[in-house]
């Protein structure tokens, strides 16, 4: 019983903090400039959007290959 209580409290705290971290209210419209961001590629090399200023880029998001669906 004590384990279930501690587990429940831990999950509630985890979700509470995760909803606060990294939350932004950026609403973009067609034609707006993209916000600055940095992403890691498959070789663990970081790329910033600003590194490609003036170039056309395509950002392709591929979720984990082993996800269902």
PDB file of N, CA and C in Angstrom:
ATOM      1  N   UNK A   1       0.820  -1.197   0.000  1.00  0.00           N
ATOM      2  CA  UNK A   1       0.000   0.000   0.000  1.00  0.00           C
ATOM      3  C   UNK A   1       0.863   1.260   0.000  1.00  0.00           C
ATOM      4  N   UNK A   2       1.915   1.236   0.820  1.00  0.00           N
ATOM      5  CA  UNK A   2       2.812   2.388   0.891  1.00  0.00           C
ATOM      6  C   UNK A   2       3.510   2.602  -0.452  1.00  0.00           C
ATOM      7  N   UNK A   3       3.872   1.491  -1.111  1.00  0.00           N
ATOM      8  CA  UNK A   3       4.530   1.577  -2.416  1.00  0.00           C
ATOM      9  C   UNK A   3       3.621   2.237  -3.446  1.00  0.00           C
ATOM     10  N   UNK A   4       2.374   1.857  -3.476  1.00  0.00           N
ATOM     11  CA  UNK A   4       1.416   2.427  -4.433  1.00  0.00           C
ATOM     12  C   UNK A   4       1.217   3.915  -4.167  1.00  0.00           C
ATOM     13  N   UNK A   5       1.156   4.292  -2.902  1.00  0.00           N
ATOM     14  CA  UNK A   5       1.007   5.705  -2.549  1.00  0.00           C
ATOM     15  C   UNK A   5       2.213   6.511  -3.026  1.00  0.00           C
ATOM     16  N   UNK A   6       3.419   6.012  -2.754  1.00  0.00           N
ATOM     17  CA  UNK A   6       4.645   6.712  -3.166  1.00  0.00           C
ATOM     18  C   UNK A   6       4.732   6.778  -4.686  1.00  0.00           C
ATOM     19  N   UNK A   7       4.380   5.695  -5.357  1.00  0.00           N
ATOM     20  CA  UNK A   7       4.396   5.674  -6.821  1.00  0.00           C
ATOM     21  C   UNK A   7       3.409   6.688  -7.390  1.00  0.00           C
ATOM     22  N   UNK A   8       2.224   6.755  -6.840  1.00  0.00           N
ATOM     23  CA  UNK A   8       1.211   7.706  -7.307  1.00  0.00           C
ATOM     24  C   UNK A   8       1.667   9.146  -7.115  1.00  0.00           C
ATOM     25  N   UNK A   9       2.209   9.454  -5.943  1.00  0.00           N
ATOM     26  CA  UNK A   9       2.703  10.808  -5.677  1.00  0.00           C
ATOM     27  C   UNK A   9       3.850  11.145  -6.622  1.00  0.00           C
ATOM     28  N   UNK A  10       4.747  10.187  -6.851  1.00  0.00           N
ATOM     29  CA  UNK A  10       5.881  10.423  -7.753  1.00  0.00           C
ATOM     30  C   UNK A  10       5.413  10.736  -9.168  1.00  0.00           C
ATOM     31  N   UNK A  11       4.436  10.004  -9.642  1.00  0.00           N
ATOM     32  CA  UNK A  11       3.914  10.229 -10.993  1.00  0.00           C
ATOM     33  C   UNK A  11       3.241  11.597 -11.086  1.00  0.00           C
ATOM     34  N   UNK A  12       2.481  11.964 -10.077  1.00  0.00           N
ATOM     35  CA  UNK A  12       1.821  13.277 -10.079  1.00  0.00           C
ATOM     36  C   UNK A  12       2.851  14.397 -10.097  1.00  0.00           C
ATOM     37  N   UNK A  13       3.887  14.275  -9.274  1.00  0.00           N
ATOM     38  CA  UNK A  13       4.942  15.294  -9.231  1.00  0.00           C
ATOM     39  C   UNK A  13       5.676  15.356 -10.562  1.00  0.00           C
ATOM     40  N   UNK A  14       5.998  14.203 -11.133  1.00  0.00           N
ATOM     41  CA  UNK A  14       6.696  14.163 -12.421  1.00  0.00           C
ATOM     42  C   UNK A  14       5.892  14.865 -13.506  1.00  0.00           C
ATOM     43  N   UNK A  15       4.613  14.564 -13.616  1.00  0.00           N
ATOM     44  CA  UNK A  15       3.790  15.198 -14.640  1.00  0.00           C
ATOM     45  C   UNK A  15       3.580  16.683 -14.371  1.00  0.00           C
ATOM     46  N   UNK A  16       3.538  17.063 -13.115  1.00  0.00           N
ATOM     47  CA  UNK A  16       3.388  18.483 -12.780  1.00  0.00           C
ATOM     48  C   UNK A  16       4.592  19.281 -13.240  1.00  0.00           C
ATOM     49  N   UNK A  17       5.791  18.771 -12.967  1.00  0.00           N
ATOM     50  CA  UNK A  17       7.004  19.479 -13.367  1.00  0.00           C
ATOM     51  C   UNK A  17       7.224  19.420 -14.875  1.00  0.00           C
ATOM     52  N   UNK A  18       6.898  18.298 -15.495  1.00  0.00           N
ATOM     53  CA  UNK A  18       7.121  18.184 -16.933  1.00  0.00           C
ATOM     54  C   UNK A  18       6.209  19.119 -17.720  1.00  0.00           C
ATOM     55  N   UNK A  19       5.051  19.447 -17.168  1.00  0.00           N
ATOM     56  CA  UNK A  19       4.158  20.368 -17.870  1.00  0.00           C
ATOM     57  C   UNK A  19       4.633  21.811 -17.759  1.00  0.00           C
ATOM     58  N   UNK A  20       5.472  22.105 -16.777  1.00  0.00           N
ATOM     59  CA  UNK A  20       5.977  23.464 -16.598  1.00  0.00           C
ATOM     60  C   UNK A  20       7.259  23.725 -17.373  1.00  0.00           C
ATOM     61  N   UNK A  21       8.065  22.710 -17.573  1.00  0.00           N
ATOM     62  CA  UNK A  21       9.374  22.867 -18.206  1.00  0.00           C
ATOM     63  C   UNK A  21       9.219  22.944 -19.718  1.00  0.00           C
ATOM     64  N   UNK A  22       9.842  23.934 -20.315  1.00  0.00           N
ATOM     65  CA  UNK A  22       9.863  24.052 -21.764  1.00  0.00           C
ATOM     66  C   UNK A  22       8.551  24.462 -22.398  1.00  0.00           C
ATOM     67  N   UNK A  23       7.641  24.949 -21.631  1.00  0.00           N
ATOM     68  CA  UNK A  23       6.348  25.343 -22.180  1.00  0.00           C
ATOM     69  C   UNK A  23       6.454  26.745 -22.770  1.00  0.00           C
ATOM     70  N   UNK A  24       6.107  26.873 -24.023  1.00  0.00           N
ATOM     71  CA  UNK A  24       6.138  28.180 -24.674  1.00  0.00           C
ATOM     72  C   UNK A  24       4.805  28.421 -25.365  1.00  0.00           C
ATOM     73  N   UNK A  25       4.461  29.658 -25.491  1.00  0.00           N
ATOM     74  CA  UNK A  25       3.233  30.040 -26.182  1.00  0.00           C
ATOM     75  C   UNK A  25       3.581  30.781 -27.458  1.00  0.00           C
ATOM     76  N   UNK A  26       4.206  30.094 -28.382  1.00  0.00           N
ATOM     77  CA  UNK A  26       4.551  30.702 -29.656  1.00  0.00           C
ATOM     78  C   UNK A  26       3.503  30.258 -30.669  1.00  0.00           C
ATOM     79  N   UNK A  27       2.796  31.212 -31.194  1.00  0.00           N
ATOM     80  CA  UNK A  27       1.790  30.913 -32.200  1.00  0.00           C
ATOM     81  C   UNK A  27       2.266  31.505 -33.513  1.00  0.00           C
ATOM     82  N   UNK A  28       2.604  30.643 -34.463  1.00  0.00           N
ATOM     83  CA  UNK A  28       3.112  31.092 -35.755  1.00  0.00           C
ATOM     84  C   UNK A  28       2.005  31.075 -36.793  1.00  0.00           C
ATOM     85  N   UNK A  29       2.106  31.999 -37.711  1.00  0.00           N
ATOM     86  CA  UNK A  29       1.190  32.065 -38.843  1.00  0.00           C
ATOM     87  C   UNK A  29       2.002  31.857 -40.111  1.00  0.00           C
ATOM     88  N   UNK A  30       1.331  31.530 -41.181  1.00  0.00           N
ATOM     89  CA  UNK A  30       2.001  31.354 -42.464  1.00  0.00           C
ATOM     90  C   UNK A  30       2.743  32.634 -42.813  1.00  0.00           C
ATOM     91  N   UNK A  31       4.021  32.504 -43.143  1.00  0.00           N
ATOM     92  CA  UNK A  31       4.836  33.657 -43.501  1.00  0.00           C
ATOM     93  C   UNK A  31       5.672  34.192 -42.356  1.00  0.00           C
ATOM     94  N   UNK A  32       5.389  33.760 -41.117  1.00  0.00           N
ATOM     95  CA  UNK A  32       6.195  34.193 -39.973  1.00  0.00           C
ATOM     96  C   UNK A  32       7.578  33.554 -40.027  1.00  0.00           C
ATOM     97  N   UNK A  33       8.552  34.247 -39.451  1.00  0.00           N
ATOM     98  CA  UNK A  33       9.904  33.706 -39.369  1.00  0.00           C
ATOM     99  C   UNK A  33       9.929  32.623 -38.293  1.00  0.00           C
ATOM    100  N   UNK A  34      10.616  31.534 -38.580  1.00  0.00           N
ATOM    101  CA  UNK A  34      10.708  30.432 -37.617  1.00  0.00           C
ATOM    102  C   UNK A  34      11.528  30.849 -36.408  1.00  0.00           C
ATOM    103  N   UNK A  35      11.143  30.394 -35.227  1.00  0.00           N
ATOM    104  CA  UNK A  35      11.928  30.719 -34.031  1.00  0.00           C
ATOM    105  C   UNK A  35      13.260  29.973 -34.049  1.00  0.00           C
ATOM    106  N   UNK A  36      14.218  30.486 -33.329  1.00  0.00           N
ATOM    107  CA  UNK A  36      15.531  29.861 -33.250  1.00  0.00           C
ATOM    108  C   UNK A  36      15.424  28.518 -32.528  1.00  0.00           C
ATOM    109  N   UNK A  37      16.106  27.503 -33.047  1.00  0.00           N
ATOM    110  CA  UNK A  37      16.144  26.207 -32.373  1.00  0.00           C
ATOM    111  C   UNK A  37      17.429  25.481 -32.736  1.00  0.00           C
ATOM    112  N   UNK A  38      17.740  24.452 -31.967  1.00  0.00           N
ATOM    113  CA  UNK A  38      18.929  23.634 -32.179  1.00  0.00           C
ATOM    114  C   UNK A  38      18.508  22.174 -32.030  1.00  0.00           C
ATOM    115  N   UNK A  39      18.922  21.334 -32.989  1.00  0.00           N
ATOM    116  CA  UNK A  39      18.554  19.924 -32.976  1.00  0.00           C
ATOM    117  C   UNK A  39      19.785  19.051 -33.152  1.00  0.00           C
ATOM    118  N   UNK A  40      19.700  17.823 -32.637  1.00  0.00           N
ATOM    119  CA  UNK A  40      20.794  16.871 -32.763  1.00  0.00           C
ATOM    120  C   UNK A  40      20.445  15.873 -33.861  1.00  0.00           C
ATOM    121  N   UNK A  41      21.402  15.591 -34.758  1.00  0.00           N
ATOM    122  CA  UNK A  41      21.149  14.636 -35.831  1.00  0.00           C
ATOM    123  C   UNK A  41      21.503  13.215 -35.391  1.00  0.00           C
ATOM    124  N   UNK A  42      21.389  12.269 -36.329  1.00  0.00           N
ATOM    125  CA  UNK A  42      21.632  10.868 -36.011  1.00  0.00           C
ATOM    126  C   UNK A  42      23.083  10.590 -35.627  1.00  0.00           C
ATOM    127  N   UNK A  43      23.995  11.483 -35.980  1.00  0.00           N
ATOM    128  CA  UNK A  43      25.406  11.337 -35.615  1.00  0.00           C
ATOM    129  C   UNK A  43      25.747  12.123 -34.353  1.00  0.00           C
ATOM    130  N   UNK A  44      24.731  12.580 -33.655  1.00  0.00           N
ATOM    131  CA  UNK A  44      24.853  13.354 -32.409  1.00  0.00           C
ATOM    132  C   UNK A  44      25.553  14.695 -32.607  1.00  0.00           C
ATOM    133  N   UNK A  45      25.471  15.234 -33.822  1.00  0.00           N
ATOM    134  CA  UNK A  45      26.012  16.554 -34.130  1.00  0.00           C
ATOM    135  C   UNK A  45      24.855  17.555 -34.058  1.00  0.00           C
ATOM    136  N   UNK A  46      25.107  18.695 -33.401  1.00  0.00           N
ATOM    137  CA  UNK A  46      24.060  19.705 -33.249  1.00  0.00           C
ATOM    138  C   UNK A  46      24.035  20.654 -34.445  1.00  0.00           C
ATOM    139  N   UNK A  47      22.836  21.043 -34.851  1.00  0.00           N
ATOM    140  CA  UNK A  47      22.628  21.986 -35.943  1.00  0.00           C
ATOM    141  C   UNK A  47      21.686  23.073 -35.453  1.00  0.00           C
ATOM    142  N   UNK A  48      22.048  24.323 -35.707  1.00  0.00           N
ATOM    143  CA  UNK A  48      21.187  25.460 -35.354  1.00  0.00           C
ATOM    144  C   UNK A  48      20.520  25.972 -36.618  1.00  0.00           C
ATOM    145  N   UNK A  49      19.321  26.472 -36.474  1.00  0.00           N
ATOM    146  CA  UNK A  49      18.626  27.053 -37.613  1.00  0.00           C
ATOM    147  C   UNK A  49      19.423  28.219 -38.176  1.00  0.00           C
ATOM    148  N   UNK A  50      20.064  28.979 -37.307  1.00  0.00           N
ATOM    149  CA  UNK A  50      20.830  30.150 -37.754  1.00  0.00           C
ATOM    150  C   UNK A  50      22.032  29.763 -38.620  1.00  0.00           C
ATOM    151  N   UNK A  51      22.503  28.511 -38.535  1.00  0.00           N
ATOM    152  CA  UNK A  51      23.612  28.053 -39.381  1.00  0.00           C
ATOM    153  C   UNK A  51      23.213  27.998 -40.855  1.00  0.00           C
ATOM    154  N   UNK A  52      21.934  27.957 -41.119  1.00  0.00           N
ATOM    155  CA  UNK A  52      21.435  27.818 -42.487  1.00  0.00           C
ATOM    156  C   UNK A  52      20.698  29.069 -42.955  1.00  0.00           C
ATOM    157  N   UNK A  53      21.028  30.210 -42.362  1.00  0.00           N
ATOM    158  CA  UNK A  53      20.367  31.467 -42.709  1.00  0.00           C
ATOM    159  C   UNK A  53      20.519  31.752 -44.202  1.00  0.00           C
ATOM    160  N   UNK A  54      19.432  32.111 -44.852  1.00  0.00           N
ATOM    161  CA  UNK A  54      19.442  32.437 -46.274  1.00  0.00           C
ATOM    162  C   UNK A  54      19.285  31.230 -47.177  1.00  0.00           C
ATOM    163  N   UNK A  55      19.255  30.039 -46.612  1.00  0.00           N
ATOM    164  CA  UNK A  55      19.099  28.825 -47.403  1.00  0.00           C
ATOM    165  C   UNK A  55      17.708  28.241 -47.153  1.00  0.00           C
ATOM    166  N   UNK A  56      17.217  27.515 -48.128  1.00  0.00           N
ATOM    167  CA  UNK A  56      15.950  26.821 -47.935  1.00  0.00           C
ATOM    168  C   UNK A  56      16.255  25.496 -47.246  1.00  0.00           C
ATOM    169  N   UNK A  57      15.487  25.183 -46.214  1.00  0.00           N
ATOM    170  CA  UNK A  57      15.690  23.922 -45.510  1.00  0.00           C
ATOM    171  C   UNK A  57      14.360  23.201 -45.366  1.00  0.00           C
ATOM    172  N   UNK A  58      14.445  21.897 -45.230  1.00  0.00           N
ATOM    173  CA  UNK A  58      13.286  21.060 -44.954  1.00  0.00           C
ATOM    174  C   UNK A  58      13.581  20.338 -43.651  1.00  0.00           C
ATOM    175  N   UNK A  59      12.716  20.492 -42.696  1.00  0.00           N
ATOM    176  CA  UNK A  59      12.864  19.813 -41.413  1.00  0.00           C
ATOM    177  C   UNK A  59      11.932  18.613 -41.430  1.00  0.00           C
ATOM    178  N   UNK A  60      12.522  17.432 -41.392  1.00  0.00           N
ATOM    179  CA  UNK A  60      11.740  16.199 -41.434  1.00  0.00           C
ATOM    180  C   UNK A  60      11.831  15.519 -40.082  1.00  0.00           C
ATOM    181  N   UNK A  61      10.709  15.326 -39.435  1.00  0.00           N
ATOM    182  CA  UNK A  61      10.657  14.661 -38.135  1.00  0.00           C
ATOM    183  C   UNK A  61      10.282  13.208 -38.346  1.00  0.00           C
ATOM    184  N   UNK A  62      11.143  12.321 -37.878  1.00  0.00           N
ATOM    185  CA  UNK A  62      10.889  10.888 -37.985  1.00  0.00           C
ATOM    186  C   UNK A  62      10.901  10.291 -36.589  1.00  0.00           C
ATOM    187  N   UNK A  63       9.739   9.908 -36.064  1.00  0.00           N
ATOM    188  CA  UNK A  63       9.721   9.315 -34.718  1.00  0.00           C
ATOM    189  C   UNK A  63      10.432   7.968 -34.719  1.00  0.00           C
ATOM    190  N   UNK A  64      10.657   7.452 -33.561  1.00  0.00           N
ATOM    191  CA  UNK A  64      11.363   6.175 -33.452  1.00  0.00           C
ATOM    192  C   UNK A  64      10.770   5.156 -34.417  1.00  0.00           C
ATOM    193  N   UNK A  65      11.632   4.430 -35.088  1.00  0.00           N
ATOM    194  CA  UNK A  65      11.188   3.482 -36.099  1.00  0.00           C
ATOM    195  C   UNK A  65      10.390   2.318 -35.511  1.00  0.00           C
ATOM    196  N   UNK A  66      10.551   2.067 -34.231  1.00  0.00           N
ATOM    197  CA  UNK A  66       9.858   0.916 -33.656  1.00  0.00           C
ATOM    198  C   UNK A  66       8.537   1.276 -32.983  1.00  0.00           C
ATOM    199  N   UNK A  67       8.003   2.456 -33.294  1.00  0.00           N
ATOM    200  CA  UNK A  67       6.716   2.820 -32.708  1.00  0.00           C
ATOM    201  C   UNK A  67       5.589   2.152 -33.483  1.00  0.00           C
ATOM    202  N   UNK A  68       4.530   1.778 -32.806  1.00  0.00           N
ATOM    203  CA  UNK A  68       3.427   1.125 -33.511  1.00  0.00           C
ATOM    204  C   UNK A  68       2.661   2.104 -34.396  1.00  0.00           C
ATOM    205  N   UNK A  69       2.083   1.589 -35.427  1.00  0.00           N
ATOM    206  CA  UNK A  69       1.214   2.404 -36.250  1.00  0.00           C
ATOM    207  C   UNK A  69       1.857   2.843 -37.477  1.00  0.00           C
TER     208      UNK A  69
END
